[in-house]
Amino acid sequence: MAGEHEKILVEILEENHPIDINKYTSYVHSPQCGAIATFYGNTRDTFDGKTVIELRYEAYVPMAIRCLKSICSSARSQWDINAIAVAHRLGPVPVGETSVFVAASSVHRVDALDACKFVIDELKASVPIWKKEVYSNGEVWKENTEFLERRSEIGAMKVCCKPKVKVEDDEAVKKGCCRSKVKVEEDDDDDDDDDDDDDDDDDDDDDDESSNGNA
């Protein structure tokens, strides 16, 4: 299926807008696909022995959307994927609710599972979405360790979404998941991303795969 018009759906949802799981699984569903792999990132009730009330998310939305579309395109170029859908909530996400959802469909399960894992891993490592953990006795911006591990790589190149990201350490800066400033340097030229539906005539399989995870 690679090489055809891309079938990608990426949405950053406004505050207090729950993720409609059926919407995104329906988007990737196709009669020619025997596998749909999914990832749910849910708010869990404890962290390091502390009681979690909710998570709060903020994002640089235009850049986040561009990054996510590029990540999905990369996944389609590496695996034989029919369609990919990604949704991420902003604002408060109470315990038990889903903050991020990824779905990928393919003829066979291996492609869908590998692509789904790739998308969520890249999302966590490079997309400008920040998380605050709210506890029963306080709150803290959560460090994005995956971003910190890759920040030299990310800062040295034009990343997935095309602008350059420059990371500047500043002890006085408390805003943001990793207590670092993220400077976005936009290029003058813009990309246009079009999502198109496509149909294939491949053999059918019978596998439906899903995985659940914590946000």
C-alpha atoms as a PDB file:
ATOM      1  CA  MET A   1       0.000   0.000   0.000  1.00  0.00           C
ATOM      2  CA  ALA A   2       2.999   2.297   0.357  1.00  0.00           C
ATOM      3  CA  GLY A   3       3.464   4.786  -2.442  1.00  0.00           C
ATOM      4  CA  GLU A   4      -0.241   5.529  -2.845  1.00  0.00           C
ATOM      5  CA  HIS A   5      -2.031   8.606  -1.610  1.00  0.00           C
ATOM      6  CA  GLU A   6      -1.504   8.763   2.109  1.00  0.00           C
ATOM      7  CA  LYS A   7      -4.410   8.083   4.410  1.00  0.00           C
ATOM      8  CA  ILE A   8      -3.493   9.912   7.604  1.00  0.00           C
ATOM      9  CA  LEU A   9      -5.680  11.563  10.239  1.00  0.00           C
ATOM     10  CA  VAL A  10      -4.014  13.741  12.894  1.00  0.00           C
ATOM     11  CA  GLU A  11      -5.973  15.773  15.448  1.00  0.00           C
ATOM     12  CA  ILE A  12      -5.010  17.810  18.511  1.00  0.00           C
ATOM     13  CA  LEU A  13      -8.200  18.075  20.548  1.00  0.00           C
ATOM     14  CA  GLU A  14      -9.216  21.144  22.505  1.00  0.00           C
ATOM     15  CA  GLU A  15      -9.620  21.164  26.282  1.00  0.00           C
ATOM     16  CA  ASN A  16     -12.362  18.909  27.702  1.00  0.00           C
ATOM     17  CA  HIS A  17     -12.836  17.151  24.367  1.00  0.00           C
ATOM     18  CA  PRO A  18     -12.613  13.363  24.947  1.00  0.00           C
ATOM     19  CA  ILE A  19     -11.081  11.130  22.291  1.00  0.00           C
ATOM     20  CA  ASP A  20     -13.700   9.335  20.201  1.00  0.00           C
ATOM     21  CA  ILE A  21     -12.003   5.942  19.842  1.00  0.00           C
ATOM     22  CA  ASN A  22     -14.604   4.653  17.371  1.00  0.00           C
ATOM     23  CA  LYS A  23     -13.994   7.615  15.063  1.00  0.00           C
ATOM     24  CA  TYR A  24     -10.295   6.833  14.666  1.00  0.00           C
ATOM     25  CA  THR A  25     -10.606   3.055  14.453  1.00  0.00           C
ATOM     26  CA  SER A  26     -13.339   3.480  11.839  1.00  0.00           C
ATOM     27  CA  TYR A  27     -11.052   5.794   9.883  1.00  0.00           C
ATOM     28  CA  VAL A  28      -8.297   3.170   9.581  1.00  0.00           C
ATOM     29  CA  HIS A  29     -10.657   0.213   9.098  1.00  0.00           C
ATOM     30  CA  SER A  30     -10.710  -1.340   5.631  1.00  0.00           C
ATOM     31  CA  PRO A  31     -12.043  -4.630   4.210  1.00  0.00           C
ATOM     32  CA  GLN A  32      -8.603  -5.338   2.761  1.00  0.00           C
ATOM     33  CA  CYS A  33      -6.900  -5.108   6.163  1.00  0.00           C
ATOM     34  CA  GLY A  34      -6.747  -8.003   8.590  1.00  0.00           C
ATOM     35  CA  ALA A  35      -5.036  -6.038  11.371  1.00  0.00           C
ATOM     36  CA  ILE A  36      -5.695  -2.854  13.309  1.00  0.00           C
ATOM     37  CA  ALA A  37      -3.091  -2.072  15.977  1.00  0.00           C
ATOM     38  CA  THR A  38      -3.974   0.540  18.588  1.00  0.00           C
ATOM     39  CA  PHE A  39      -2.298   2.327  21.486  1.00  0.00           C
ATOM     40  CA  TYR A  40      -4.201   4.014  24.313  1.00  0.00           C
ATOM     41  CA  GLY A  41      -2.289   6.360  26.619  1.00  0.00           C
ATOM     42  CA  ASN A  42      -4.340   6.668  29.824  1.00  0.00           C
ATOM     43  CA  THR A  43      -3.902   8.698  33.008  1.00  0.00           C
ATOM     44  CA  ARG A  44      -2.974   6.341  35.836  1.00  0.00           C
ATOM     45  CA  ASP A  45      -3.786   7.028  39.481  1.00  0.00           C
ATOM     46  CA  THR A  46      -0.302   7.002  41.053  1.00  0.00           C
ATOM     47  CA  PHE A  47       3.258   8.023  40.234  1.00  0.00           C
ATOM     48  CA  ASP A  48       6.219   7.291  42.524  1.00  0.00           C
ATOM     49  CA  GLY A  49       3.812   6.641  45.391  1.00  0.00           C
ATOM     50  CA  LYS A  50       1.956   9.944  44.899  1.00  0.00           C
ATOM     51  CA  THR A  51      -1.773  10.103  44.194  1.00  0.00           C
ATOM     52  CA  VAL A  52      -2.435  11.541  40.737  1.00  0.00           C
ATOM     53  CA  ILE A  53      -5.599  13.612  40.247  1.00  0.00           C
ATOM     54  CA  GLU A  54      -5.169  14.429  36.562  1.00  0.00           C
ATOM     55  CA  LEU A  55      -2.676  15.239  33.829  1.00  0.00           C
ATOM     56  CA  ARG A  56      -2.713  18.585  32.024  1.00  0.00           C
ATOM     57  CA  TYR A  57      -1.367  18.940  28.502  1.00  0.00           C
ATOM     58  CA  GLU A  58      -0.202  21.963  26.546  1.00  0.00           C
ATOM     59  CA  ALA A  59       1.151  22.069  23.001  1.00  0.00           C
ATOM     60  CA  TYR A  60       2.483  24.261  20.249  1.00  0.00           C
ATOM     61  CA  VAL A  61      -0.371  23.077  18.048  1.00  0.00           C
ATOM     62  CA  PRO A  62       0.715  24.030  14.487  1.00  0.00           C
ATOM     63  CA  MET A  63       4.133  22.470  14.960  1.00  0.00           C
ATOM     64  CA  ALA A  64       2.707  19.435  16.769  1.00  0.00           C
ATOM     65  CA  ILE A  65       0.329  18.695  13.898  1.00  0.00           C
ATOM     66  CA  ARG A  66       3.080  19.045  11.309  1.00  0.00           C
ATOM     67  CA  CYS A  67       5.359  16.767  13.325  1.00  0.00           C
ATOM     68  CA  LEU A  68       2.684  14.121  13.746  1.00  0.00           C
ATOM     69  CA  LYS A  69       1.820  14.118  10.042  1.00  0.00           C
ATOM     70  CA  SER A  70       5.491  13.723   9.176  1.00  0.00           C
ATOM     71  CA  ILE A  71       5.882  10.877  11.687  1.00  0.00           C
ATOM     72  CA  CYS A  72       2.871   9.106  10.180  1.00  0.00           C
ATOM     73  CA  SER A  73       4.283   9.564   6.684  1.00  0.00           C
ATOM     74  CA  SER A  74       7.576   8.066   7.843  1.00  0.00           C
ATOM     75  CA  ALA A  75       5.721   5.092   9.284  1.00  0.00           C
ATOM     76  CA  ARG A  76       3.904   4.531   5.993  1.00  0.00           C
ATOM     77  CA  SER A  77       7.204   4.643   4.106  1.00  0.00           C
ATOM     78  CA  GLN A  78       8.734   1.973   6.371  1.00  0.00           C
ATOM     79  CA  TRP A  79       5.801  -0.421   6.730  1.00  0.00           C
ATOM     80  CA  ASP A  80       2.987  -1.584   4.471  1.00  0.00           C
ATOM     81  CA  ILE A  81       0.270   0.489   6.133  1.00  0.00           C
ATOM     82  CA  ASN A  82      -3.215   1.249   4.858  1.00  0.00           C
ATOM     83  CA  ALA A  83      -4.032   4.120   7.220  1.00  0.00           C
ATOM     84  CA  ILE A  84      -2.896   5.789  10.440  1.00  0.00           C
ATOM     85  CA  ALA A  85      -4.874   7.940  12.880  1.00  0.00           C
ATOM     86  CA  VAL A  86      -3.475   9.893  15.844  1.00  0.00           C
ATOM     87  CA  ALA A  87      -5.373  11.973  18.392  1.00  0.00           C
ATOM     88  CA  HIS A  88      -4.020  13.849  21.429  1.00  0.00           C
ATOM     89  CA  ARG A  89      -5.997  15.785  24.019  1.00  0.00           C
ATOM     90  CA  LEU A  90      -5.049  19.134  25.518  1.00  0.00           C
ATOM     91  CA  GLY A  91      -6.036  20.484  28.909  1.00  0.00           C
ATOM     92  CA  PRO A  92      -6.931  18.314  31.915  1.00  0.00           C
ATOM     93  CA  VAL A  93      -7.217  14.531  31.487  1.00  0.00           C
ATOM     94  CA  PRO A  94      -8.569  12.866  34.662  1.00  0.00           C
ATOM     95  CA  VAL A  95      -7.470   9.467  35.945  1.00  0.00           C
ATOM     96  CA  GLY A  96      -8.725   6.633  33.749  1.00  0.00           C
ATOM     97  CA  GLU A  97      -9.291   8.762  30.654  1.00  0.00           C
ATOM     98  CA  THR A  98      -7.294   8.571  27.414  1.00  0.00           C
ATOM     99  CA  SER A  99      -4.932  11.408  26.501  1.00  0.00           C
ATOM    100  CA  VAL A 100      -3.411   9.954  23.327  1.00  0.00           C
ATOM    101  CA  PHE A 101      -4.605   7.358  20.840  1.00  0.00           C
ATOM    102  CA  VAL A 102      -2.871   5.797  17.844  1.00  0.00           C
ATOM    103  CA  ALA A 103      -4.376   3.370  15.329  1.00  0.00           C
ATOM    104  CA  ALA A 104      -2.732   1.768  12.298  1.00  0.00           C
ATOM    105  CA  SER A 105      -4.184  -0.736   9.839  1.00  0.00           C
ATOM    106  CA  SER A 106      -2.446  -3.174   7.510  1.00  0.00           C
ATOM    107  CA  VAL A 107      -2.998  -6.445   5.694  1.00  0.00           C
ATOM    108  CA  HIS A 108      -0.945  -8.352   8.283  1.00  0.00           C
ATOM    109  CA  ARG A 109      -0.418  -7.584  11.970  1.00  0.00           C
ATOM    110  CA  VAL A 110       3.381  -7.145  11.992  1.00  0.00           C
ATOM    111  CA  ASP A 111       3.279  -3.948   9.920  1.00  0.00           C
ATOM    112  CA  ALA A 112       0.454  -2.435  11.967  1.00  0.00           C
ATOM    113  CA  LEU A 113       2.072  -3.282  15.315  1.00  0.00           C
ATOM    114  CA  ASP A 114       5.510  -1.982  14.323  1.00  0.00           C
ATOM    115  CA  ALA A 115       4.101   1.220  12.835  1.00  0.00           C
ATOM    116  CA  CYS A 116       1.928   1.876  15.884  1.00  0.00           C
ATOM    117  CA  LYS A 117       4.931   1.514  18.211  1.00  0.00           C
ATOM    118  CA  PHE A 118       7.050   3.764  15.988  1.00  0.00           C
ATOM    119  CA  VAL A 119       4.426   6.522  15.967  1.00  0.00           C
ATOM    120  CA  ILE A 120       3.934   6.655  19.751  1.00  0.00           C
ATOM    121  CA  ASP A 121       7.691   6.461  20.404  1.00  0.00           C
ATOM    122  CA  GLU A 122       8.392   9.332  17.999  1.00  0.00           C
ATOM    123  CA  LEU A 123       5.477  11.333  19.388  1.00  0.00           C
ATOM    124  CA  LYS A 124       6.908  11.091  22.894  1.00  0.00           C
ATOM    125  CA  ALA A 125      10.429  11.952  21.734  1.00  0.00           C
ATOM    126  CA  SER A 126       9.928  14.833  19.323  1.00  0.00           C
ATOM    127  CA  VAL A 127       6.442  16.371  19.269  1.00  0.00           C
ATOM    128  CA  PRO A 128       6.037  19.657  21.240  1.00  0.00           C
ATOM    129  CA  ILE A 129       3.388  18.505  23.713  1.00  0.00           C
ATOM    130  CA  TRP A 130       4.031  19.108  27.440  1.00  0.00           C
ATOM    131  CA  LYS A 131       2.537  17.366  30.449  1.00  0.00           C
ATOM    132  CA  LYS A 132       1.888  18.547  34.006  1.00  0.00           C
ATOM    133  CA  GLU A 133       1.084  15.968  36.692  1.00  0.00           C
ATOM    134  CA  VAL A 134      -1.416  17.169  39.283  1.00  0.00           C
ATOM    135  CA  TYR A 135      -1.222  15.320  42.606  1.00  0.00           C
ATOM    136  CA  SER A 136      -3.385  15.425  45.699  1.00  0.00           C
ATOM    137  CA  ASN A 137      -0.654  17.507  47.383  1.00  0.00           C
ATOM    138  CA  GLY A 138       0.831  19.525  44.536  1.00  0.00           C
ATOM    139  CA  GLU A 139       1.714  19.578  40.858  1.00  0.00           C
ATOM    140  CA  VAL A 140       4.823  19.393  38.665  1.00  0.00           C
ATOM    141  CA  TRP A 141       5.742  19.614  35.006  1.00  0.00           C
ATOM    142  CA  LYS A 142       6.872  16.150  33.983  1.00  0.00           C
ATOM    143  CA  GLU A 143      10.290  15.875  32.397  1.00  0.00           C
ATOM    144  CA  ASN A 144      10.205  14.305  28.962  1.00  0.00           C
ATOM    145  CA  THR A 145      13.198  11.987  29.326  1.00  0.00           C
ATOM    146  CA  GLU A 146      12.884  10.724  25.749  1.00  0.00           C
ATOM    147  CA  PHE A 147      13.131  14.296  24.455  1.00  0.00           C
ATOM    148  CA  LEU A 148      16.107  15.032  26.713  1.00  0.00           C
ATOM    149  CA  GLU A 149      17.926  11.947  25.469  1.00  0.00           C
ATOM    150  CA  ARG A 150      17.452  13.057  21.862  1.00  0.00           C
ATOM    151  CA  ARG A 151      17.617  16.847  22.189  1.00  0.00           C
ATOM    152  CA  SER A 152      21.140  17.138  20.719  1.00  0.00           C
ATOM    153  CA  GLU A 153      20.007  15.173  17.683  1.00  0.00           C
ATOM    154  CA  ILE A 154      16.770  17.154  17.411  1.00  0.00           C
ATOM    155  CA  GLY A 155      18.453  20.532  17.862  1.00  0.00           C
ATOM    156  CA  ALA A 156      21.085  19.787  15.223  1.00  0.00           C
ATOM    157  CA  MET A 157      18.724  19.147  12.347  1.00  0.00           C
ATOM    158  CA  LYS A 158      15.464  20.128  10.769  1.00  0.00           C
ATOM    159  CA  VAL A 159      13.197  17.756  12.572  1.00  0.00           C
ATOM    160  CA  CYS A 160      10.057  15.950  11.465  1.00  0.00           C
ATOM    161  CA  CYS A 161       7.939  19.051  11.196  1.00  0.00           C
ATOM    162  CA  LYS A 162      10.541  21.133   9.318  1.00  0.00           C
ATOM    163  CA  PRO A 163      11.249  24.039  11.724  1.00  0.00           C
ATOM    164  CA  LYS A 164      14.529  23.866  13.583  1.00  0.00           C
ATOM    165  CA  VAL A 165      14.263  23.331  17.317  1.00  0.00           C
ATOM    166  CA  LYS A 166      16.915  24.951  19.482  1.00  0.00           C
ATOM    167  CA  VAL A 167      17.100  23.851  23.118  1.00  0.00           C
ATOM    168  CA  GLU A 168      18.532  26.312  25.608  1.00  0.00           C
ATOM    169  CA  ASP A 169      19.091  25.297  29.227  1.00  0.00           C
ATOM    170  CA  ASP A 170      17.946  27.887  31.734  1.00  0.00           C
ATOM    171  CA  GLU A 171      17.641  27.118  35.442  1.00  0.00           C
ATOM    172  CA  ALA A 172      15.352  30.106  35.905  1.00  0.00           C
ATOM    173  CA  VAL A 173      12.807  28.723  33.477  1.00  0.00           C
ATOM    174  CA  LYS A 174      10.247  26.477  35.167  1.00  0.00           C
ATOM    175  CA  LYS A 175       7.640  26.391  32.415  1.00  0.00           C
ATOM    176  CA  GLY A 176       7.722  23.248  30.321  1.00  0.00           C
ATOM    177  CA  CYS A 177       8.128  19.555  30.883  1.00  0.00           C
ATOM    178  CA  CYS A 178      11.908  19.537  30.896  1.00  0.00           C
ATOM    179  CA  ARG A 179      12.611  22.983  32.395  1.00  0.00           C
ATOM    180  CA  SER A 180      14.275  24.026  29.144  1.00  0.00           C
ATOM    181  CA  LYS A 181      13.309  26.647  26.647  1.00  0.00           C
ATOM    182  CA  VAL A 182      12.353  25.373  23.237  1.00  0.00           C
ATOM    183  CA  LYS A 183      12.974  27.971  20.565  1.00  0.00           C
ATOM    184  CA  VAL A 184      11.171  27.387  17.287  1.00  0.00           C
ATOM    185  CA  GLU A 185      12.732  28.871  14.188  1.00  0.00           C
ATOM    186  CA  GLU A 186      10.186  28.728  11.378  1.00  0.00           C
ATOM    187  CA  ASP A 187      11.230  28.487   7.730  1.00  0.00           C
ATOM    188  CA  ASP A 188       9.653  30.831   5.232  1.00  0.00           C
ATOM    189  CA  ASP A 189       8.208  28.047   3.103  1.00  0.00           C
ATOM    190  CA  ASP A 190       5.251  25.983   4.252  1.00  0.00           C
ATOM    191  CA  ASP A 191       4.130  22.487   3.424  1.00  0.00           C
ATOM    192  CA  ASP A 192       0.601  21.632   2.407  1.00  0.00           C
ATOM    193  CA  ASP A 193      -0.655  18.344   3.799  1.00  0.00           C
ATOM    194  CA  ASP A 194      -3.612  16.696   2.114  1.00  0.00           C
ATOM    195  CA  ASP A 195      -5.278  13.594   3.455  1.00  0.00           C
ATOM    196  CA  ASP A 196      -6.763  11.313   0.811  1.00  0.00           C
ATOM    197  CA  ASP A 197      -8.678   8.074   1.130  1.00  0.00           C
ATOM    198  CA  ASP A 198      -7.498   5.133  -0.946  1.00  0.00           C
ATOM    199  CA  ASP A 199      -8.693   1.639  -1.779  1.00  0.00           C
ATOM    200  CA  ASP A 200      -6.574  -1.464  -2.384  1.00  0.00           C
ATOM    201  CA  ASP A 201      -7.231  -4.957  -3.723  1.00  0.00           C
ATOM    202  CA  ASP A 202      -4.966  -7.088  -1.510  1.00  0.00           C
ATOM    203  CA  ASP A 203      -5.660 -10.428   0.194  1.00  0.00           C
ATOM    204  CA  ASP A 204      -7.487 -10.461   3.518  1.00  0.00           C
ATOM    205  CA  ASP A 205      -6.208 -11.713   6.884  1.00  0.00           C
ATOM    206  CA  ASP A 206      -8.080 -12.206  10.134  1.00  0.00           C
ATOM    207  CA  ASP A 207      -5.930 -10.544  12.818  1.00  0.00           C
ATOM    208  CA  ASP A 208      -7.030  -7.603  14.987  1.00  0.00           C
ATOM    209  CA  GLU A 209      -4.285  -6.411  17.343  1.00  0.00           C
ATOM    210  CA  SER A 210      -4.393  -3.791  20.100  1.00  0.00           C
ATOM    211  CA  SER A 211      -2.166  -2.598  22.914  1.00  0.00           C
ATOM    212  CA  ASN A 212      -2.876  -0.374  25.884  1.00  0.00           C
ATOM    213  CA  GLY A 213      -0.351   1.854  27.639  1.00  0.00           C
ATOM    214  CA  ASN A 214      -0.011   4.626  30.178  1.00  0.00           C
ATOM    215  CA  ALA A 215       0.326   8.214  29.062  1.00  0.00           C
END
